[in-house]
N, C-alpha and C. Protein backbone atom coordinates (compact mmCIF):
# COMPACT_ATOMS: atom_id res chain seq x y z
N MET A 1 96.25 77.73 109.08
CA MET A 1 96.17 76.82 108.16
C MET A 1 97.66 76.17 108.58
N LEU A 2 99.02 76.80 108.95
CA LEU A 2 100.24 75.76 109.39
C LEU A 2 100.64 75.11 107.56
N ASP A 3 100.79 75.59 106.79
CA ASP A 3 101.15 75.48 105.78
C ASP A 3 102.69 75.96 105.13
N GLY A 4 103.02 76.63 106.27
CA GLY A 4 104.60 77.13 106.06
C GLY A 4 104.91 75.58 105.90
N VAL A 5 106.50 76.09 105.25
CA VAL A 5 107.37 74.93 105.03
C VAL A 5 108.82 75.75 105.48
N PHE A 6 109.86 75.17 106.20
CA PHE A 6 111.00 75.63 106.42
C PHE A 6 112.20 74.63 105.69
N SER A 7 112.67 75.29 104.73
CA SER A 7 113.80 74.52 104.34
C SER A 7 115.08 74.75 104.60
N ARG A 8 116.40 74.37 105.20
CA ARG A 8 117.71 75.07 105.20
C ARG A 8 118.07 74.11 104.26
N ASN A 9 119.18 75.28 103.54
CA ASN A 9 120.19 75.26 102.97
C ASN A 9 121.64 75.62 102.97
N VAL A 10 122.68 75.51 101.78
CA VAL A 10 123.56 76.15 102.35
C VAL A 10 124.14 78.10 102.86
N ASP A 11 122.87 78.43 102.10
CA ASP A 11 122.80 79.89 102.09
C ASP A 11 122.23 80.52 103.21
N GLY A 12 121.33 79.41 104.29
CA GLY A 12 120.69 80.23 105.12
C GLY A 12 119.57 78.36 104.81
N GLY A 13 118.02 79.65 104.42
CA GLY A 13 117.40 78.76 104.22
C GLY A 13 115.71 79.83 103.85
N VAL A 14 114.65 78.86 103.70
CA VAL A 14 113.43 79.30 102.66
C VAL A 14 112.61 79.12 103.30
N LEU A 15 111.80 79.83 104.06
CA LEU A 15 109.86 79.88 104.65
C LEU A 15 109.00 80.02 103.35
N SER A 16 108.17 79.16 103.23
CA SER A 16 107.88 79.04 101.43
C SER A 16 105.68 79.00 102.17
N PHE A 17 105.33 78.87 101.35
CA PHE A 17 103.92 79.15 101.51
C PHE A 17 103.40 78.84 100.20
N GLU A 18 102.60 77.57 99.51
CA GLU A 18 101.87 77.85 98.06
C GLU A 18 100.43 78.18 98.64
N ARG A 19 99.05 78.80 98.08
CA ARG A 19 97.93 78.81 98.57
C ARG A 19 97.47 79.43 97.31
N HIS A 20 96.18 78.47 97.20
CA HIS A 20 95.07 78.62 96.24
C HIS A 20 94.48 79.93 96.87
N ILE A 21 94.04 81.02 95.85
CA ILE A 21 93.14 82.26 96.12
C ILE A 21 92.21 82.32 95.22
N ASP A 22 91.01 82.51 96.14
CA ASP A 22 89.83 82.65 95.60
C ASP A 22 89.75 83.87 94.98
N ARG A 23 90.44 84.49 94.17
CA ARG A 23 90.63 85.84 93.63
C ARG A 23 91.52 85.84 91.96
N PRO A 24 90.82 86.73 91.33
CA PRO A 24 91.77 86.99 90.28
C PRO A 24 93.10 87.20 90.30
N VAL A 25 94.21 86.82 90.13
CA VAL A 25 95.80 87.13 89.64
C VAL A 25 95.57 88.91 90.20
N ASP A 26 94.62 89.95 89.11
CA ASP A 26 94.92 91.03 88.93
C ASP A 26 94.98 91.73 90.77
N LYS A 27 93.56 91.32 91.12
CA LYS A 27 93.28 91.65 92.54
C LYS A 27 94.37 91.62 93.67
N VAL A 28 94.55 90.15 93.43
CA VAL A 28 95.76 89.65 94.27
C VAL A 28 97.09 90.71 94.05
N TRP A 29 97.46 90.36 92.64
CA TRP A 29 98.60 91.64 92.87
C TRP A 29 98.59 93.32 93.01
N ALA A 30 97.26 93.23 92.65
CA ALA A 30 96.48 94.95 93.71
C ALA A 30 97.04 95.18 94.74
N ALA A 31 96.82 93.62 95.41
CA ALA A 31 96.91 94.12 96.96
C ALA A 31 98.40 93.52 97.93
N LEU A 32 99.15 93.24 96.86
CA LEU A 32 100.56 93.27 96.72
C LEU A 32 101.20 94.72 96.20
N THR A 33 100.73 95.65 95.32
CA THR A 33 101.90 96.41 95.24
C THR A 33 101.27 97.61 95.43
N ILE A 34 99.53 97.68 95.35
CA ILE A 34 99.28 99.01 95.32
C ILE A 34 99.84 99.96 96.87
N PRO A 35 100.31 100.88 97.46
CA PRO A 35 100.19 101.39 98.67
C PRO A 35 99.06 101.41 99.18
N GLU A 36 97.69 101.83 98.90
CA GLU A 36 96.83 101.15 100.02
C GLU A 36 96.63 99.68 100.10
N ARG A 37 96.20 99.08 99.11
CA ARG A 37 96.01 97.96 99.51
C ARG A 37 97.20 97.06 100.58
N VAL A 38 98.49 97.07 100.29
CA VAL A 38 99.39 96.61 101.04
C VAL A 38 99.08 97.46 102.53
N ALA A 39 98.51 98.68 102.82
CA ALA A 39 98.50 98.98 104.03
C ALA A 39 97.19 98.51 104.45
N ASP A 40 96.30 97.88 103.58
CA ASP A 40 95.13 96.96 103.85
C ASP A 40 95.55 96.06 105.12
N TRP A 41 97.06 95.04 104.66
CA TRP A 41 97.07 94.06 105.45
C TRP A 41 98.91 94.02 106.09
N CYS A 42 98.77 95.07 106.15
CA CYS A 42 100.27 95.57 107.03
C CYS A 42 99.96 96.15 108.40
N GLY A 43 98.60 97.32 108.08
CA GLY A 43 98.54 97.94 109.31
C GLY A 43 98.54 99.18 109.40
N ASN A 44 99.38 100.16 108.91
CA ASN A 44 100.15 101.60 108.90
C ASN A 44 100.83 101.85 108.03
N GLY A 45 100.29 101.71 106.63
CA GLY A 45 100.80 102.36 105.45
C GLY A 45 101.98 101.79 105.17
N ALA A 46 102.08 101.67 103.99
CA ALA A 46 103.36 101.28 102.86
C ALA A 46 103.55 102.58 101.60
N GLU A 47 104.64 102.21 101.69
CA GLU A 47 105.67 102.71 100.28
C GLU A 47 105.83 101.65 98.70
N VAL A 48 105.56 101.68 97.95
CA VAL A 48 105.76 101.14 96.74
C VAL A 48 106.10 101.86 95.69
N ASP A 49 107.39 101.97 94.89
CA ASP A 49 107.71 102.37 93.96
C ASP A 49 107.85 101.48 92.96
N LEU A 50 106.89 100.62 92.28
CA LEU A 50 106.81 99.66 91.59
C LEU A 50 108.09 99.39 90.11
N ARG A 51 109.13 99.32 90.71
CA ARG A 51 110.33 99.44 89.47
C ARG A 51 111.47 98.49 89.94
N ILE A 52 112.78 98.18 89.08
CA ILE A 52 113.62 97.43 89.67
C ILE A 52 114.24 98.88 90.29
N GLY A 53 114.77 98.40 91.80
CA GLY A 53 115.56 99.12 92.18
C GLY A 53 114.73 100.41 93.23
N GLY A 54 112.98 100.24 93.11
CA GLY A 54 112.20 101.19 93.47
C GLY A 54 112.09 100.34 95.00
N VAL A 55 111.59 101.35 95.86
CA VAL A 55 111.24 101.25 97.51
C VAL A 55 110.29 100.38 97.77
N PHE A 56 109.97 99.43 98.69
CA PHE A 56 109.15 98.59 98.88
C PHE A 56 109.36 98.61 100.85
N ARG A 57 108.51 99.42 101.17
CA ARG A 57 108.30 100.07 102.57
C ARG A 57 107.14 99.80 103.11
N ILE A 58 107.24 98.86 104.54
CA ILE A 58 106.33 98.48 105.21
C ILE A 58 106.47 99.31 106.22
N HIS A 59 104.93 100.03 107.22
CA HIS A 59 105.28 100.35 108.36
C HIS A 59 104.17 99.93 109.09
N TRP A 60 105.17 99.06 110.34
CA TRP A 60 104.01 98.15 110.95
C TRP A 60 102.92 98.71 112.14
N PRO A 61 101.99 98.31 112.63
CA PRO A 61 101.32 99.38 113.30
C PRO A 61 101.99 98.95 115.15
N ASP A 62 101.09 99.88 115.79
CA ASP A 62 101.97 100.04 117.37
C ASP A 62 103.32 99.76 117.54
N GLY A 63 103.84 101.16 117.12
CA GLY A 63 105.48 100.69 117.06
C GLY A 63 106.28 99.41 116.64
N MET A 64 106.01 98.83 115.88
CA MET A 64 106.47 97.63 116.05
C MET A 64 107.47 98.03 114.54
N GLY A 65 107.69 99.18 114.50
CA GLY A 65 108.82 99.31 113.44
C GLY A 65 109.04 99.43 111.77
N VAL A 66 109.63 99.13 110.91
CA VAL A 66 109.45 99.33 109.64
C VAL A 66 110.25 98.64 108.70
N MET A 67 110.01 97.95 107.65
CA MET A 67 110.41 96.94 107.29
C MET A 67 110.77 97.90 105.62
N ASN A 68 112.48 98.22 105.59
CA ASN A 68 112.77 98.73 104.19
C ASN A 68 112.85 97.57 103.65
N GLY A 69 112.70 98.07 102.09
CA GLY A 69 113.00 96.72 101.03
C GLY A 69 113.17 97.53 100.11
N GLU A 70 114.21 96.95 98.98
CA GLU A 70 114.16 97.28 97.35
C GLU A 70 113.86 96.24 96.61
N ILE A 71 112.65 96.53 95.60
CA ILE A 71 112.96 95.66 94.65
C ILE A 71 113.57 95.26 93.72
N THR A 72 114.17 93.88 93.37
CA THR A 72 114.89 93.17 92.76
C THR A 72 114.22 92.51 91.50
N ALA A 73 113.37 92.31 91.80
CA ALA A 73 112.38 91.32 90.39
C ALA A 73 111.04 91.94 90.22
N LEU A 74 110.99 91.82 89.06
CA LEU A 74 109.35 92.00 88.61
C LEU A 74 109.11 92.05 87.54
N GLU A 75 108.08 91.09 87.36
CA GLU A 75 107.40 91.00 86.05
C GLU A 75 105.76 91.01 86.35
N PRO A 76 105.55 92.01 86.39
CA PRO A 76 104.04 92.01 86.45
C PRO A 76 102.90 91.17 85.62
N PRO A 77 101.59 90.67 85.88
CA PRO A 77 101.49 90.26 87.54
C PRO A 77 101.85 88.87 88.16
N GLN A 78 102.86 88.53 87.76
CA GLN A 78 103.01 87.46 87.91
C GLN A 78 104.12 87.16 89.23
N LEU A 79 105.41 88.21 89.01
CA LEU A 79 106.40 88.04 90.38
C LEU A 79 106.86 89.27 90.90
N LEU A 80 106.71 89.50 92.19
CA LEU A 80 107.60 90.91 92.58
C LEU A 80 108.33 89.93 93.73
N GLU A 81 109.62 90.59 93.68
CA GLU A 81 111.03 90.59 94.59
C GLU A 81 111.42 91.50 95.20
N TYR A 82 111.40 91.69 96.62
CA TYR A 82 112.32 92.78 97.41
C TYR A 82 112.57 92.50 98.40
N THR A 83 114.28 92.80 98.59
CA THR A 83 114.98 92.60 99.87
C THR A 83 113.98 93.07 101.05
N TRP A 84 114.20 92.44 102.46
CA TRP A 84 113.64 92.58 103.63
C TRP A 84 114.76 93.07 104.64
N HIS A 85 114.69 93.72 105.26
CA HIS A 85 115.24 94.12 106.25
C HIS A 85 114.59 95.33 107.31
N GLU A 86 115.07 94.96 108.58
CA GLU A 86 114.04 95.48 109.47
C GLU A 86 114.85 95.74 110.53
N PRO A 87 115.58 96.63 111.13
CA PRO A 87 116.35 97.90 111.74
C PRO A 87 116.08 97.00 113.05
N ALA A 88 115.09 96.80 113.54
CA ALA A 88 114.56 96.82 114.85
C ALA A 88 114.39 95.28 115.19
N VAL A 89 114.60 94.23 113.76
CA VAL A 89 115.05 93.07 114.27
C VAL A 89 116.26 92.19 113.78
N ALA A 90 116.46 91.70 114.97
CA ALA A 90 117.90 90.98 114.47
C ALA A 90 118.16 89.62 113.88
N VAL A 91 117.42 90.17 112.96
CA VAL A 91 117.41 89.31 111.57
C VAL A 91 118.30 89.70 110.64
N PRO A 92 119.48 89.11 109.66
CA PRO A 92 120.10 89.52 108.62
C PRO A 92 119.08 89.54 107.58
N ALA A 93 119.29 90.84 106.55
CA ALA A 93 118.74 90.96 105.75
C ALA A 93 118.33 89.92 104.68
N SER A 94 117.08 89.70 103.99
CA SER A 94 116.74 88.92 103.21
C SER A 94 115.80 89.06 102.17
N ARG A 95 115.05 88.07 101.22
CA ARG A 95 114.53 88.21 100.22
C ARG A 95 113.16 88.05 100.39
N VAL A 96 112.50 88.52 99.95
CA VAL A 96 110.65 88.24 99.83
C VAL A 96 110.30 88.08 98.48
N ARG A 97 109.78 87.02 98.13
CA ARG A 97 109.24 86.93 96.22
C ARG A 97 108.07 86.18 96.41
N TRP A 98 107.05 86.93 96.31
CA TRP A 98 105.58 86.59 95.25
C TRP A 98 105.53 85.97 93.89
N THR A 99 105.02 84.67 93.53
CA THR A 99 104.85 84.38 92.38
C THR A 99 103.14 83.93 92.13
N LEU A 100 102.51 84.83 91.47
CA LEU A 100 101.00 84.71 90.97
C LEU A 100 101.14 83.93 89.65
N SER A 101 99.96 83.18 89.63
CA SER A 101 100.09 82.56 88.19
C SER A 101 98.00 82.08 88.40
N PRO A 102 97.52 81.95 86.87
CA PRO A 102 96.16 81.79 87.47
C PRO A 102 95.35 80.30 87.36
N ASP A 103 95.06 79.91 88.13
CA ASP A 103 94.06 79.04 88.58
C ASP A 103 92.55 78.95 88.64
N GLY A 104 92.21 78.33 87.59
CA GLY A 104 90.19 78.65 87.65
C GLY A 104 90.50 80.18 87.64
N ALA A 105 89.11 80.42 88.24
CA ALA A 105 88.65 81.55 88.87
C ALA A 105 89.53 82.50 89.22
N GLY A 106 90.47 81.59 90.20
CA GLY A 106 91.28 82.08 91.17
C GLY A 106 92.69 82.37 90.97
N CYS A 107 93.96 82.11 91.75
CA CYS A 107 94.81 82.23 91.50
C CYS A 107 95.50 81.10 92.33
N GLN A 108 97.18 80.76 91.97
CA GLN A 108 97.95 80.51 92.76
C GLN A 108 99.10 81.59 93.30
N LEU A 109 99.10 81.30 94.61
CA LEU A 109 100.13 82.13 95.17
C LEU A 109 101.15 81.16 95.83
N LYS A 110 102.25 81.75 95.42
CA LYS A 110 103.54 81.56 96.11
C LYS A 110 104.26 82.45 96.86
N LEU A 111 104.87 82.13 98.29
CA LEU A 111 105.71 83.38 99.18
C LEU A 111 106.53 82.55 99.44
N GLU A 112 107.62 83.20 99.10
CA GLU A 112 109.24 82.70 99.57
C GLU A 112 110.05 83.86 100.52
N HIS A 113 110.19 83.51 101.09
CA HIS A 113 110.97 84.43 102.17
C HIS A 113 112.34 83.43 102.62
N ILE A 114 113.15 84.42 101.60
CA ILE A 114 114.60 83.85 101.77
C ILE A 114 115.66 84.33 102.43
N PHE A 115 116.27 83.34 103.31
CA PHE A 115 117.28 84.07 104.12
C PHE A 115 118.68 83.76 104.21
N THR A 116 119.94 84.79 103.96
CA THR A 116 120.95 84.41 104.01
C THR A 116 121.35 83.77 105.20
N SER A 117 120.91 84.05 106.32
CA SER A 117 121.28 83.00 107.34
C SER A 117 120.24 83.78 108.47
N ILE A 118 119.74 82.09 109.21
CA ILE A 118 118.72 82.49 109.78
C ILE A 118 118.57 81.34 111.36
N ASP A 119 118.11 81.59 112.07
CA ASP A 119 118.05 80.54 113.41
C ASP A 119 116.96 79.85 113.19
N PRO A 120 116.11 78.31 113.81
CA PRO A 120 115.10 78.29 113.89
C PRO A 120 113.80 79.29 114.16
N LYS A 121 114.24 80.06 115.52
CA LYS A 121 113.59 80.57 116.36
C LYS A 121 112.56 81.87 115.28
N SER A 122 113.89 82.52 114.66
CA SER A 122 113.62 83.41 113.73
C SER A 122 112.21 82.90 112.53
N ALA A 123 112.76 81.47 112.25
CA ALA A 123 111.84 81.28 111.13
C ALA A 123 110.53 80.97 111.91
N THR A 124 110.56 80.65 113.13
CA THR A 124 108.98 80.30 113.85
C THR A 124 108.47 81.64 113.49
N GLU A 125 108.97 82.53 114.06
CA GLU A 125 108.34 83.89 114.45
C GLU A 125 107.99 84.62 112.89
N PHE A 126 108.84 84.29 111.90
CA PHE A 126 108.43 84.51 109.95
C PHE A 126 106.67 83.82 109.87
N ALA A 127 106.93 82.63 109.99
CA ALA A 127 106.04 81.84 109.85
C ALA A 127 104.83 82.57 110.49
N GLY A 128 104.94 82.56 111.78
CA GLY A 128 103.39 82.79 112.39
C GLY A 128 102.95 84.37 111.81
N GLY A 129 103.73 85.35 111.34
CA GLY A 129 103.42 86.29 110.66
C GLY A 129 102.92 85.83 109.70
N TRP A 130 103.41 85.83 108.47
CA TRP A 130 103.01 85.30 106.94
C TRP A 130 102.38 84.49 107.30
N ASP A 131 102.16 83.78 108.11
CA ASP A 131 100.60 83.16 108.09
C ASP A 131 99.36 83.68 108.53
N GLY A 132 99.07 84.67 109.01
CA GLY A 132 98.22 85.57 109.04
C GLY A 132 97.98 86.64 108.58
N ILE A 133 99.42 87.04 108.04
CA ILE A 133 99.09 87.95 106.35
C ILE A 133 98.79 87.75 105.45
N LEU A 134 99.11 86.11 105.09
CA LEU A 134 98.24 85.66 103.77
C LEU A 134 97.07 85.81 103.89
N ALA A 135 96.34 85.81 105.01
CA ALA A 135 94.68 85.73 105.17
C ALA A 135 94.33 86.91 105.05
N ALA A 136 94.92 87.95 105.47
CA ALA A 136 94.90 89.36 105.46
C ALA A 136 95.15 89.81 103.72
N ILE A 137 96.06 89.38 103.05
CA ILE A 137 96.02 90.19 101.82
C ILE A 137 95.02 89.59 101.08
N VAL A 138 94.13 88.55 101.31
CA VAL A 138 92.73 87.84 100.48
C VAL A 138 91.65 88.90 100.69
N ARG A 139 91.40 89.49 102.02
CA ARG A 139 90.66 90.42 102.38
C ARG A 139 91.25 91.66 101.55
N ALA A 140 92.59 92.06 101.56
CA ALA A 140 93.23 93.72 100.68
C ALA A 140 92.70 93.35 99.35
N ALA A 141 92.35 91.99 99.05
CA ALA A 141 92.32 91.82 97.25
C ALA A 141 91.16 92.66 97.02
N ASP A 142 90.30 92.35 98.26
CA ASP A 142 88.84 93.05 98.19
C ASP A 142 88.50 94.56 98.93
N GLY A 143 89.64 95.22 99.02
CA GLY A 143 90.12 96.60 99.35
C GLY A 143 89.66 96.58 100.65
N GLU A 144 89.40 95.39 101.41
CA GLU A 144 89.39 95.63 103.00
C GLU A 144 90.65 95.61 103.93
N ALA A 145 90.73 96.35 105.01
CA ALA A 145 91.73 96.48 105.64
C ALA A 145 91.32 95.53 107.09
N THR A 146 92.24 95.14 107.30
CA THR A 146 92.02 93.89 108.68
C THR A 146 93.47 94.32 109.53
N PRO A 147 93.15 94.57 110.52
CA PRO A 147 94.01 94.87 111.81
C PRO A 147 95.12 93.91 111.99
N MET A 148 96.12 93.85 112.04
CA MET A 148 97.33 92.57 112.44
C MET A 148 96.32 92.19 114.21
N ASP A 149 96.68 90.90 113.68
CA ASP A 149 96.09 89.65 114.42
C ASP A 149 97.79 89.56 115.77
N THR A 150 97.53 90.34 116.46
CA THR A 150 98.73 89.70 117.54
C THR A 150 98.46 88.49 118.26
N GLU A 151 97.44 88.94 118.92
CA GLU A 151 97.25 87.23 119.77
C GLU A 151 97.34 85.83 118.74
N GLY A 152 96.62 85.80 118.06
CA GLY A 152 96.47 85.28 116.90
C GLY A 152 98.01 84.80 116.35
N TYR A 153 98.68 85.57 116.30
CA TYR A 153 100.36 85.74 115.33
C TYR A 153 101.02 84.57 116.54
N LYS A 154 100.88 84.78 118.14
CA LYS A 154 101.56 84.31 118.92
C LYS A 154 101.52 82.66 119.29
N GLN A 155 100.06 82.66 118.63
CA GLN A 155 99.36 81.18 118.80
C GLN A 155 100.08 80.69 117.67
N ARG A 156 100.22 81.12 116.35
CA ARG A 156 100.57 80.48 115.13
C ARG A 156 102.15 80.28 115.27
N GLU A 157 102.76 81.12 116.11
CA GLU A 157 104.29 81.40 115.73
C GLU A 157 104.67 79.76 116.62
N ALA A 158 103.45 79.31 118.02
CA ALA A 158 103.67 78.29 118.85
C ALA A 158 103.64 76.87 117.90
N ALA A 159 102.62 77.33 117.31
CA ALA A 159 102.58 75.87 116.19
C ALA A 159 103.01 75.35 115.17
N TYR A 160 104.17 76.57 115.00
CA TYR A 160 105.26 76.58 113.91
C TYR A 160 106.31 76.16 114.18
N ALA A 161 106.86 76.71 115.81
CA ALA A 161 107.47 76.45 116.49
C ALA A 161 107.66 74.51 116.55
N ALA A 162 106.62 73.66 116.95
CA ALA A 162 106.33 72.63 117.24
C ALA A 162 106.43 72.03 115.86
N LYS A 163 106.06 72.74 115.07
CA LYS A 163 106.36 71.87 113.65
C LYS A 163 107.58 71.83 112.74
N PHE A 164 108.09 72.69 113.42
CA PHE A 164 109.77 73.05 112.54
C PHE A 164 110.94 72.35 113.66
N GLY A 165 109.99 71.89 114.86
CA GLY A 165 110.96 71.53 115.97
C GLY A 165 112.34 72.80 116.45
N ALA A 166 111.60 73.93 116.47
CA ALA A 166 112.18 74.79 117.71
C ALA A 166 112.09 74.88 118.82
């Protein structure tokens, strides 16, 4: 879809996506917060302690590592924010913020990945990943597991590199 936008600022940058999802807020909220539904889009399991200060951990498939996060903002079912730290990836710690609002029979989803420091190559890598994950989250809202699309990820990453001029 290539609707991701990367904006640099004095603190680093923000990678953001906004999409209409043809699912009610509660179903999409479940896909973002219930460990079994998170596992449907992350590929290999998740741990979620849904409270401020609680853990938000994603286990990526195929030995790709683990994302360790801590929930920093929570307003069910509209707002979830957590820190993002992947020890296996050379990108500074960052934050991910999900915002949901009703929109007809579905909802409006906004994803912001907020970086304290980032290079254009890393921004394109994250954009390629999030673009595919957003499609998988729609299916996770229906309880459907979706294998990670690594081939599609590389194609989306290349397309975002062209879009962002990286």
